[in-house]
Amino acid sequence: MAKTTKADQRVARHVRSRKKFSGSPERPRLAVFRSLKHISAQLIDDSQGITLASASSLEKELSAKGNVGGAKAVGAAIAERAKGKGIKQVVFDRGGFRYHGRVASLAEGAREAGLEF
């Protein structure tokens, strides 16, 4: 039996949750990815397979770090970009990560900036 790493387990959780929901043009999927140093979010229309908007703590104009405060700034940025494209409602995809810490902070920042999920 092959040993599963934490990363493998996260991907398995993500695949399991992706069976239950997908993004549409009216309600795209807000996908979150958290690395050790940074956090990023994308609005994805799964029916066409395209990314509608993205935000990351790597962006110079955001000047956000990968911590909880930076995650909140990334959430606010993705919400502003979504509103610019006329998107108000999304489906939140935590990407197999626990809804805790930076992931929860990103969601909170997006909600405070006007996204509904």
Protein backbone atom coordinates (compact mmCIF):
# COMPACT_ATOMS: atom_id res chain seq x y z
CA MET A 1 0.00 0.00 0.00
CA ALA A 2 1.38 3.41 -0.95
CA LYS A 3 1.92 5.91 1.81
CA THR A 4 -0.30 8.97 1.48
CA THR A 5 1.15 12.36 2.30
CA LYS A 6 -0.74 15.30 3.76
CA ALA A 7 -0.81 16.83 0.29
CA ASP A 8 -2.34 13.64 -1.15
CA GLN A 9 -4.98 13.66 1.58
CA ARG A 10 -5.83 17.31 0.85
CA VAL A 11 -6.23 16.56 -2.86
CA ALA A 12 -8.48 13.60 -2.03
CA ARG A 13 -10.66 15.85 0.16
CA HIS A 14 -10.80 18.42 -2.66
CA VAL A 15 -11.81 15.81 -5.24
CA ARG A 16 -14.50 14.49 -2.89
CA SER A 17 -15.98 17.96 -2.36
CA ARG A 18 -15.79 18.85 -6.06
CA LYS A 19 -18.22 16.01 -6.82
CA LYS A 20 -20.90 17.97 -4.99
CA PHE A 21 -20.60 21.44 -6.58
CA SER A 22 -19.29 23.29 -9.61
CA GLY A 23 -19.11 26.87 -10.80
CA SER A 24 -21.46 28.34 -13.38
CA PRO A 25 -21.48 31.67 -15.25
CA GLU A 26 -24.12 33.05 -12.84
CA ARG A 27 -22.46 31.63 -9.72
CA PRO A 28 -18.76 30.85 -10.28
CA ARG A 29 -16.60 28.83 -7.91
CA LEU A 30 -14.33 30.81 -5.56
CA ALA A 31 -11.37 28.42 -5.33
CA VAL A 32 -8.78 29.01 -2.61
CA PHE A 33 -5.20 27.74 -2.62
CA ARG A 34 -2.98 28.10 0.43
CA SER A 35 0.75 27.47 0.26
CA LEU A 36 3.20 27.76 3.13
CA LYS A 37 3.96 31.42 2.37
CA HIS A 38 1.08 32.74 0.25
CA ILE A 39 -2.62 32.45 -0.48
CA SER A 40 -4.53 32.90 -3.72
CA ALA A 41 -8.12 32.81 -4.94
CA GLN A 42 -9.73 32.37 -8.35
CA LEU A 43 -13.26 32.75 -9.67
CA ILE A 44 -13.81 29.81 -12.01
CA ASP A 45 -16.62 29.08 -14.46
CA ASP A 46 -16.47 25.27 -14.66
CA SER A 47 -18.99 25.01 -17.50
CA GLN A 48 -16.55 26.79 -19.86
CA GLY A 49 -13.38 25.94 -17.95
CA ILE A 50 -12.19 29.54 -17.62
CA THR A 51 -10.90 31.73 -14.82
CA LEU A 52 -12.95 34.92 -14.56
CA ALA A 53 -10.83 36.72 -11.96
CA SER A 54 -7.97 36.03 -9.57
CA ALA A 55 -6.13 37.58 -6.64
CA SER A 56 -3.03 36.51 -4.79
CA SER A 57 -0.80 37.64 -1.94
CA LEU A 58 2.04 37.59 -4.49
CA GLU A 59 0.66 40.66 -6.32
CA LYS A 60 2.67 43.85 -5.86
CA GLU A 61 -0.36 46.17 -5.85
CA LEU A 62 -1.94 44.22 -3.00
CA SER A 63 1.27 44.24 -0.94
CA ALA A 64 -0.29 41.47 1.16
CA LYS A 65 1.57 38.82 3.05
CA GLY A 66 0.46 35.21 3.30
CA ASN A 67 -0.78 35.66 6.86
CA VAL A 68 -4.35 36.10 8.16
CA GLY A 69 -4.36 39.86 7.44
CA GLY A 70 -3.02 39.28 3.95
CA ALA A 71 -5.65 36.61 3.33
CA LYS A 72 -8.38 39.07 4.27
CA ALA A 73 -6.92 41.60 1.80
CA VAL A 74 -6.87 38.94 -0.94
CA GLY A 75 -10.53 38.13 -0.17
CA ALA A 76 -11.48 41.79 -0.46
CA ALA A 77 -9.54 42.11 -3.73
CA ILE A 78 -11.22 39.10 -5.33
CA ALA A 79 -14.63 40.45 -4.25
CA GLU A 80 -13.91 43.84 -5.85
CA ARG A 81 -12.80 42.16 -9.09
CA ALA A 82 -15.92 40.00 -9.05
CA LYS A 83 -18.17 43.03 -8.58
CA GLY A 84 -16.37 44.68 -11.50
CA LYS A 85 -17.49 41.75 -13.66
CA GLY A 86 -21.05 41.83 -12.30
CA ILE A 87 -20.70 38.76 -10.07
CA LYS A 88 -22.43 38.91 -6.69
CA GLN A 89 -22.87 35.24 -5.71
CA VAL A 90 -20.23 32.51 -5.67
CA VAL A 91 -19.76 28.94 -4.52
CA PHE A 92 -16.93 28.73 -1.96
CA ASP A 93 -14.35 26.00 -2.63
CA ARG A 94 -11.89 25.66 0.23
CA GLY A 95 -9.71 23.33 -1.85
CA GLY A 96 -9.53 20.55 0.73
CA PHE A 97 -8.08 22.91 3.35
CA ARG A 98 -9.79 23.26 6.74
CA TYR A 99 -12.10 26.27 7.03
CA HIS A 100 -9.82 27.79 9.61
CA GLY A 101 -7.21 30.55 9.90
CA ARG A 102 -6.17 31.98 6.54
CA VAL A 103 -8.89 30.24 4.51
CA ALA A 104 -11.63 31.51 6.85
CA SER A 105 -10.06 34.99 6.83
CA LEU A 106 -10.11 35.10 3.02
CA ALA A 107 -13.80 34.13 3.05
CA GLU A 108 -14.56 36.76 5.68
CA GLY A 109 -12.77 39.46 3.63
CA ALA A 110 -14.73 38.50 0.52
CA ARG A 111 -18.04 38.57 2.41
CA GLU A 112 -17.28 41.96 3.94
CA ALA A 113 -16.52 43.34 0.46
CA GLY A 114 -19.91 42.21 -0.83
CA LEU A 115 -19.69 38.64 -2.16
CA GLU A 116 -22.49 36.27 -1.14
CA PHE A 117 -21.89 32.58 -0.39
